[in-house]
PDB file of N, CA and C in Angstrom:
ATOM      1  N   MET A   1     -41.459  86.631 -53.977  1.00  0.00           N
ATOM      2  CA  MET A   1     -42.129  87.944 -54.303  1.00  0.00           C
ATOM      3  C   MET A   1     -40.946  89.369 -53.924  1.00  0.00           C
ATOM      4  N   GLU A   2     -40.123  88.964 -53.114  1.00  0.00           N
ATOM      5  CA  GLU A   2     -39.092  90.046 -52.933  1.00  0.00           C
ATOM      6  C   GLU A   2     -38.292  90.519 -54.375  1.00  0.00           C
ATOM      7  N   LYS A   3     -38.167  89.490 -54.978  1.00  0.00           N
ATOM      8  CA  LYS A   3     -37.474  89.585 -56.473  1.00  0.00           C
ATOM      9  C   LYS A   3     -38.443  90.499 -57.496  1.00  0.00           C
ATOM     10  N   LEU A   4     -39.750  90.337 -57.049  1.00  0.00           N
ATOM     11  CA  LEU A   4     -40.577  91.191 -58.152  1.00  0.00           C
ATOM     12  C   LEU A   4     -40.835  92.564 -57.606  1.00  0.00           C
ATOM     13  N   ARG A   5     -40.643  92.733 -56.283  1.00  0.00           N
ATOM     14  CA  ARG A   5     -40.721  94.117 -55.822  1.00  0.00           C
ATOM     15  C   ARG A   5     -39.568  95.093 -56.489  1.00  0.00           C
ATOM     16  N   ASN A   6     -38.344  94.371 -56.638  1.00  0.00           N
ATOM     17  CA  ASN A   6     -37.366  95.361 -57.245  1.00  0.00           C
ATOM     18  C   ASN A   6     -37.491  94.845 -59.072  1.00  0.00           C
ATOM     19  N   MET A   7     -38.252  94.148 -59.323  1.00  0.00           N
ATOM     20  CA  MET A   7     -38.536  93.815 -60.564  1.00  0.00           C
ATOM     21  C   MET A   7     -39.203  95.078 -61.649  1.00  0.00           C
ATOM     22  N   ASP A   8     -38.592  95.368 -62.685  1.00  0.00           N
ATOM     23  CA  ASP A   8     -39.215  96.281 -63.734  1.00  0.00           C
ATOM     24  C   ASP A   8     -40.587  95.773 -63.944  1.00  0.00           C
ATOM     25  N   LYS A   9     -41.523  96.942 -63.995  1.00  0.00           N
ATOM     26  CA  LYS A   9     -43.135  96.387 -64.267  1.00  0.00           C
ATOM     27  C   LYS A   9     -42.969  95.868 -65.745  1.00  0.00           C
ATOM     28  N   ASN A  10     -41.988  96.274 -66.564  1.00  0.00           N
ATOM     29  CA  ASN A  10     -42.120  95.872 -67.863  1.00  0.00           C
ATOM     30  C   ASN A  10     -41.764  94.177 -67.963  1.00  0.00           C
ATOM     31  N   LYS A  11     -41.351  93.896 -66.769  1.00  0.00           N
ATOM     32  CA  LYS A  11     -40.838  92.240 -66.376  1.00  0.00           C
ATOM     33  C   LYS A  11     -42.087  91.444 -66.233  1.00  0.00           C
ATOM     34  N   ILE A  12     -42.784  91.983 -65.502  1.00  0.00           N
ATOM     35  CA  ILE A  12     -44.332  91.566 -65.446  1.00  0.00           C
ATOM     36  C   ILE A  12     -45.241  91.344 -66.655  1.00  0.00           C
ATOM     37  N   VAL A  13     -44.983  92.711 -67.439  1.00  0.00           N
ATOM     38  CA  VAL A  13     -45.746  92.591 -68.883  1.00  0.00           C
ATOM     39  C   VAL A  13     -45.286  91.086 -69.658  1.00  0.00           C
ATOM     40  N   GLU A  14     -43.935  91.242 -69.608  1.00  0.00           N
ATOM     41  CA  GLU A  14     -43.231  90.282 -70.448  1.00  0.00           C
ATOM     42  C   GLU A  14     -43.475  88.571 -69.835  1.00  0.00           C
ATOM     43  N   ILE A  15     -43.759  88.522 -68.558  1.00  0.00           N
ATOM     44  CA  ILE A  15     -44.203  87.235 -67.847  1.00  0.00           C
ATOM     45  C   ILE A  15     -45.604  86.944 -68.276  1.00  0.00           C
ATOM     46  N   ALA A  16     -46.698  87.991 -68.234  1.00  0.00           N
ATOM     47  CA  ALA A  16     -47.920  87.808 -68.522  1.00  0.00           C
ATOM     48  C   ALA A  16     -48.120  87.434 -70.218  1.00  0.00           C
ATOM     49  N   ASN A  17     -47.342  88.148 -70.967  1.00  0.00           N
ATOM     50  CA  ASN A  17     -47.292  87.776 -72.335  1.00  0.00           C
ATOM     51  C   ASN A  17     -46.905  86.679 -72.852  1.00  0.00           C
ATOM     52  N   ASP A  18     -45.990  85.828 -71.841  1.00  0.00           N
ATOM     53  CA  ASP A  18     -45.527  84.444 -72.317  1.00  0.00           C
ATOM     54  C   ASP A  18     -45.630  83.780 -70.992  1.00  0.00           C
ATOM     55  N   CYS A  19     -46.969  83.846 -70.379  1.00  0.00           N
ATOM     56  CA  CYS A  19     -47.228  83.192 -69.419  1.00  0.00           C
ATOM     57  C   CYS A  19     -47.274  81.527 -69.494  1.00  0.00           C
ATOM     58  N   GLU A  20     -47.701  81.011 -70.734  1.00  0.00           N
ATOM     59  CA  GLU A  20     -47.671  79.814 -70.999  1.00  0.00           C
ATOM     60  C   GLU A  20     -46.188  78.885 -70.951  1.00  0.00           C
ATOM     61  N   ASN A  21     -45.238  79.908 -70.839  1.00  0.00           N
ATOM     62  CA  ASN A  21     -43.826  79.291 -70.759  1.00  0.00           C
ATOM     63  C   ASN A  21     -43.145  79.522 -69.407  1.00  0.00           C
ATOM     64  N   VAL A  22     -44.026  80.387 -68.477  1.00  0.00           N
ATOM     65  CA  VAL A  22     -43.127  80.587 -67.373  1.00  0.00           C
ATOM     66  C   VAL A  22     -43.573  79.651 -65.985  1.00  0.00           C
ATOM     67  N   PRO A  23     -42.741  79.443 -65.378  1.00  0.00           N
ATOM     68  CA  PRO A  23     -42.715  78.493 -64.332  1.00  0.00           C
ATOM     69  C   PRO A  23     -44.013  78.877 -63.316  1.00  0.00           C
ATOM     70  N   ASN A  24     -44.578  78.078 -62.496  1.00  0.00           N
ATOM     71  CA  ASN A  24     -45.533  78.375 -61.726  1.00  0.00           C
ATOM     72  C   ASN A  24     -45.123  79.017 -60.693  1.00  0.00           C
ATOM     73  N   LYS A  25     -43.842  79.018 -59.878  1.00  0.00           N
ATOM     74  CA  LYS A  25     -43.254  79.938 -58.949  1.00  0.00           C
ATOM     75  C   LYS A  25     -43.555  81.120 -59.467  1.00  0.00           C
ATOM     76  N   LEU A  26     -42.995  81.684 -60.545  1.00  0.00           N
ATOM     77  CA  LEU A  26     -43.050  83.052 -60.961  1.00  0.00           C
ATOM     78  C   LEU A  26     -44.410  83.615 -61.387  1.00  0.00           C
ATOM     79  N   LEU A  27     -45.248  82.562 -61.850  1.00  0.00           N
ATOM     80  CA  LEU A  27     -46.611  82.767 -61.944  1.00  0.00           C
ATOM     81  C   LEU A  27     -47.132  83.615 -60.743  1.00  0.00           C
ATOM     82  N   VAL A  28     -47.227  82.494 -59.888  1.00  0.00           N
ATOM     83  CA  VAL A  28     -47.678  82.948 -58.732  1.00  0.00           C
ATOM     84  C   VAL A  28     -47.021  84.306 -57.940  1.00  0.00           C
ATOM     85  N   GLU A  29     -45.816  84.516 -57.992  1.00  0.00           N
ATOM     86  CA  GLU A  29     -45.209  85.460 -57.540  1.00  0.00           C
ATOM     87  C   GLU A  29     -45.656  86.839 -58.293  1.00  0.00           C
ATOM     88  N   SER A  30     -45.841  86.676 -59.525  1.00  0.00           N
ATOM     89  CA  SER A  30     -46.217  87.626 -60.494  1.00  0.00           C
ATOM     90  C   SER A  30     -47.812  88.072 -59.914  1.00  0.00           C
ATOM     91  N   ARG A  31     -48.738  87.082 -59.919  1.00  0.00           N
ATOM     92  CA  ARG A  31     -49.896  87.263 -59.404  1.00  0.00           C
ATOM     93  C   ARG A  31     -50.331  87.833 -58.343  1.00  0.00           C
ATOM     94  N   ASP A  32     -49.320  87.631 -57.122  1.00  0.00           N
ATOM     95  CA  ASP A  32     -49.469  88.316 -55.796  1.00  0.00           C
ATOM     96  C   ASP A  32     -48.933  89.559 -55.922  1.00  0.00           C
ATOM     97  N   PHE A  33     -47.868  90.069 -56.890  1.00  0.00           N
ATOM     98  CA  PHE A  33     -47.336  91.291 -56.906  1.00  0.00           C
ATOM     99  C   PHE A  33     -48.743  92.117 -57.468  1.00  0.00           C
ATOM    100  N   LEU A  34     -49.121  91.592 -58.707  1.00  0.00           N
ATOM    101  CA  LEU A  34     -50.534  92.336 -59.354  1.00  0.00           C
ATOM    102  C   LEU A  34     -51.471  92.587 -58.427  1.00  0.00           C
ATOM    103  N   ILE A  35     -51.715  91.664 -57.469  1.00  0.00           N
ATOM    104  CA  ILE A  35     -52.950  91.953 -56.418  1.00  0.00           C
ATOM    105  C   ILE A  35     -52.641  93.024 -55.544  1.00  0.00           C
ATOM    106  N   GLU A  36     -51.462  92.824 -55.157  1.00  0.00           N
ATOM    107  CA  GLU A  36     -50.822  93.837 -53.993  1.00  0.00           C
ATOM    108  C   GLU A  36     -50.923  95.350 -55.074  1.00  0.00           C
ATOM    109  N   GLU A  37     -50.409  95.331 -56.031  1.00  0.00           N
ATOM    110  CA  GLU A  37     -50.140  96.610 -56.784  1.00  0.00           C
ATOM    111  C   GLU A  37     -51.764  97.139 -57.200  1.00  0.00           C
ATOM    112  N   PHE A  38     -52.701  96.296 -57.622  1.00  0.00           N
ATOM    113  CA  PHE A  38     -54.219  96.733 -57.554  1.00  0.00           C
ATOM    114  C   PHE A  38     -54.588  97.414 -56.461  1.00  0.00           C
ATOM    115  N   GLU A  39     -54.617  96.540 -55.079  1.00  0.00           N
ATOM    116  CA  GLU A  39     -55.346  96.787 -54.156  1.00  0.00           C
ATOM    117  C   GLU A  39     -54.621  98.210 -53.565  1.00  0.00           C
ATOM    118  N   GLN A  40     -53.201  98.499 -54.003  1.00  0.00           N
ATOM    119  CA  GLN A  40     -52.545  99.667 -53.303  1.00  0.00           C
ATOM    120  C   GLN A  40     -53.209 100.764 -54.744  1.00  0.00           C
ATOM    121  N   THR A  41     -53.356 100.510 -55.666  1.00  0.00           N
ATOM    122  CA  THR A  41     -53.935 101.747 -56.635  1.00  0.00           C
ATOM    123  C   THR A  41     -55.208 101.878 -56.536  1.00  0.00           C
ATOM    124  N   LYS A  42     -56.264 100.940 -55.878  1.00  0.00           N
ATOM    125  CA  LYS A  42     -57.472 101.167 -55.592  1.00  0.00           C
ATOM    126  C   LYS A  42     -57.319 101.951 -54.399  1.00  0.00           C
ATOM    127  N   THR A  43     -56.730 101.812 -53.384  1.00  0.00           N
ATOM    128  CA  THR A  43     -56.761 102.740 -52.290  1.00  0.00           C
ATOM    129  C   THR A  43     -56.182 104.264 -52.608  1.00  0.00           C
ATOM    130  N   ILE A  44     -55.313 104.262 -53.613  1.00  0.00           N
ATOM    131  CA  ILE A  44     -54.847 105.552 -54.010  1.00  0.00           C
ATOM    132  C   ILE A  44     -56.006 106.416 -54.639  1.00  0.00           C
ATOM    133  N   ILE A  45     -56.568 105.697 -55.455  1.00  0.00           N
ATOM    134  CA  ILE A  45     -57.730 106.154 -56.358  1.00  0.00           C
ATOM    135  C   ILE A  45     -58.986 106.667 -55.225  1.00  0.00           C
ATOM    136  N   ILE A  46     -59.050 105.991 -54.607  1.00  0.00           N
ATOM    137  CA  ILE A  46     -60.328 106.270 -53.300  1.00  0.00           C
ATOM    138  C   ILE A  46     -60.241 107.443 -52.556  1.00  0.00           C
ATOM    139  N   ASP A  47     -58.854 107.470 -52.203  1.00  0.00           N
ATOM    140  CA  ASP A  47     -58.145 108.505 -51.271  1.00  0.00           C
ATOM    141  C   ASP A  47     -58.327 109.919 -52.214  1.00  0.00           C
ATOM    142  N   LEU A  48     -57.831 109.752 -53.577  1.00  0.00           N
ATOM    143  CA  LEU A  48     -57.499 110.940 -54.331  1.00  0.00           C
ATOM    144  C   LEU A  48     -59.197 111.314 -54.592  1.00  0.00           C
ATOM    145  N   THR A  49     -60.211 110.370 -54.861  1.00  0.00           N
ATOM    146  CA  THR A  49     -61.379 110.981 -55.148  1.00  0.00           C
ATOM    147  C   THR A  49     -62.301 111.612 -53.924  1.00  0.00           C
ATOM    148  N   ARG A  50     -61.844 111.086 -52.731  1.00  0.00           N
ATOM    149  CA  ARG A  50     -62.404 111.620 -51.545  1.00  0.00           C
ATOM    150  C   ARG A  50     -61.755 113.247 -51.434  1.00  0.00           C
ATOM    151  N   HIS A  51     -60.597 113.290 -51.554  1.00  0.00           N
ATOM    152  CA  HIS A  51     -59.781 114.524 -51.314  1.00  0.00           C
ATOM    153  C   HIS A  51     -60.486 115.376 -52.528  1.00  0.00           C
ATOM    154  N   LEU A  52     -60.621 114.962 -53.817  1.00  0.00           N
ATOM    155  CA  LEU A  52     -61.217 115.982 -54.766  1.00  0.00           C
ATOM    156  C   LEU A  52     -62.481 116.332 -54.426  1.00  0.00           C
ATOM    157  N   GLU A  53     -63.612 115.457 -54.044  1.00  0.00           N
ATOM    158  CA  GLU A  53     -64.688 115.699 -53.633  1.00  0.00           C
ATOM    159  C   GLU A  53     -64.780 116.918 -52.462  1.00  0.00           C
ATOM    160  N   SER A  54     -63.652 116.562 -51.519  1.00  0.00           N
ATOM    161  CA  SER A  54     -63.403 117.789 -50.280  1.00  0.00           C
ATOM    162  C   SER A  54     -63.246 119.173 -51.097  1.00  0.00           C
ATOM    163  N   VAL A  55     -62.347 119.179 -51.691  1.00  0.00           N
ATOM    164  CA  VAL A  55     -61.756 120.264 -52.762  1.00  0.00           C
ATOM    165  C   VAL A  55     -62.932 120.933 -53.421  1.00  0.00           C
ATOM    166  N   GLU A  56     -63.632 120.170 -53.936  1.00  0.00           N
ATOM    167  CA  GLU A  56     -64.916 120.616 -54.637  1.00  0.00           C
ATOM    168  C   GLU A  56     -65.944 121.223 -54.127  1.00  0.00           C
ATOM    169  N   VAL A  57     -66.129 120.619 -52.607  1.00  0.00           N
ATOM    170  CA  VAL A  57     -67.418 121.323 -51.995  1.00  0.00           C
ATOM    171  C   VAL A  57     -66.674 122.518 -51.203  1.00  0.00           C
ATOM    172  N   LEU A  58     -65.409 122.500 -50.896  1.00  0.00           N
ATOM    173  CA  LEU A  58     -64.671 124.279 -50.267  1.00  0.00           C
ATOM    174  C   LEU A  58     -64.824 125.061 -51.563  1.00  0.00           C
ATOM    175  N   TYR A  59     -64.602 124.804 -52.634  1.00  0.00           N
ATOM    176  CA  TYR A  59     -64.341 125.456 -53.776  1.00  0.00           C
ATOM    177  C   TYR A  59     -65.500 126.107 -53.993  1.00  0.00           C
ATOM    178  N   ASP A  60     -66.971 125.563 -53.931  1.00  0.00           N
ATOM    179  CA  ASP A  60     -68.036 125.857 -54.236  1.00  0.00           C
ATOM    180  C   ASP A  60     -68.468 126.768 -53.094  1.00  0.00           C
ATOM    181  N   LYS A  61     -68.357 126.235 -52.022  1.00  0.00           N
ATOM    182  CA  LYS A  61     -68.800 127.243 -50.814  1.00  0.00           C
ATOM    183  C   LYS A  61     -67.960 128.526 -51.060  1.00  0.00           C
ATOM    184  N   ILE A  62     -66.824 128.733 -51.157  1.00  0.00           N
ATOM    185  CA  ILE A  62     -66.166 130.215 -51.471  1.00  0.00           C
ATOM    186  C   ILE A  62     -66.414 130.566 -52.579  1.00  0.00           C
ATOM    187  N   ASN A  63     -66.480 129.966 -53.764  1.00  0.00           N
ATOM    188  CA  ASN A  63     -67.289 130.558 -55.083  1.00  0.00           C
ATOM    189  C   ASN A  63     -68.706 131.070 -54.789  1.00  0.00           C
ATOM    190  N   LYS A  64     -69.443 130.291 -54.100  1.00  0.00           N
ATOM    191  CA  LYS A  64     -70.778 131.025 -53.777  1.00  0.00           C
ATOM    192  C   LYS A  64     -70.808 132.413 -53.112  1.00  0.00           C
ATOM    193  N   GLU A  65     -69.878 132.496 -52.286  1.00  0.00           N
ATOM    194  CA  GLU A  65     -69.793 133.543 -51.297  1.00  0.00           C
ATOM    195  C   GLU A  65     -69.369 134.860 -51.965  1.00  0.00           C
ATOM    196  N   LEU A  66     -68.444 134.515 -53.047  1.00  0.00           N
ATOM    197  CA  LEU A  66     -67.881 135.573 -53.997  1.00  0.00           C
ATOM    198  C   LEU A  66     -68.923 135.851 -54.989  1.00  0.00           C
ATOM    199  N   ASP A  67     -69.797 134.756 -55.427  1.00  0.00           N
ATOM    200  CA  ASP A  67     -70.803 135.688 -56.038  1.00  0.00           C
ATOM    201  C   ASP A  67     -71.715 136.464 -55.299  1.00  0.00           C
ATOM    202  N   LYS A  68     -72.062 135.980 -54.428  1.00  0.00           N
ATOM    203  CA  LYS A  68     -72.880 136.873 -53.201  1.00  0.00           C
ATOM    204  C   LYS A  68     -72.477 138.130 -53.265  1.00  0.00           C
ATOM    205  N   ARG A  69     -71.109 138.411 -53.032  1.00  0.00           N
ATOM    206  CA  ARG A  69     -70.291 139.760 -52.646  1.00  0.00           C
ATOM    207  C   ARG A  69     -70.236 140.371 -53.823  1.00  0.00           C
ATOM    208  N   THR A  70     -70.311 139.806 -55.240  1.00  0.00           N
ATOM    209  CA  THR A  70     -70.218 140.756 -56.323  1.00  0.00           C
ATOM    210  C   THR A  70     -71.232 141.101 -57.149  1.00  0.00           C
ATOM    211  N   LYS A  71     -72.187 140.835 -56.411  1.00  0.00           N
ATOM    212  CA  LYS A  71     -73.809 141.092 -57.375  1.00  0.00           C
ATOM    213  C   LYS A  71     -74.236 142.198 -56.559  1.00  0.00           C
TER     214      LYS A  71
END
């Protein structure tokens, strides 16, 4: 698995595109790498979504106050 951490992501694509001819060990390492990558990406997206929602709430609150003051 350590090899895949340093591996170019293009190598993973190559492995996936030629998986019929790749040894089991490399397939397992690639799969495990992709599982980890998926989970990390999912966590980042969830965190960013929460952050975006918080920013939106604060923006709306400030914008409503400004609207009240300018009318």
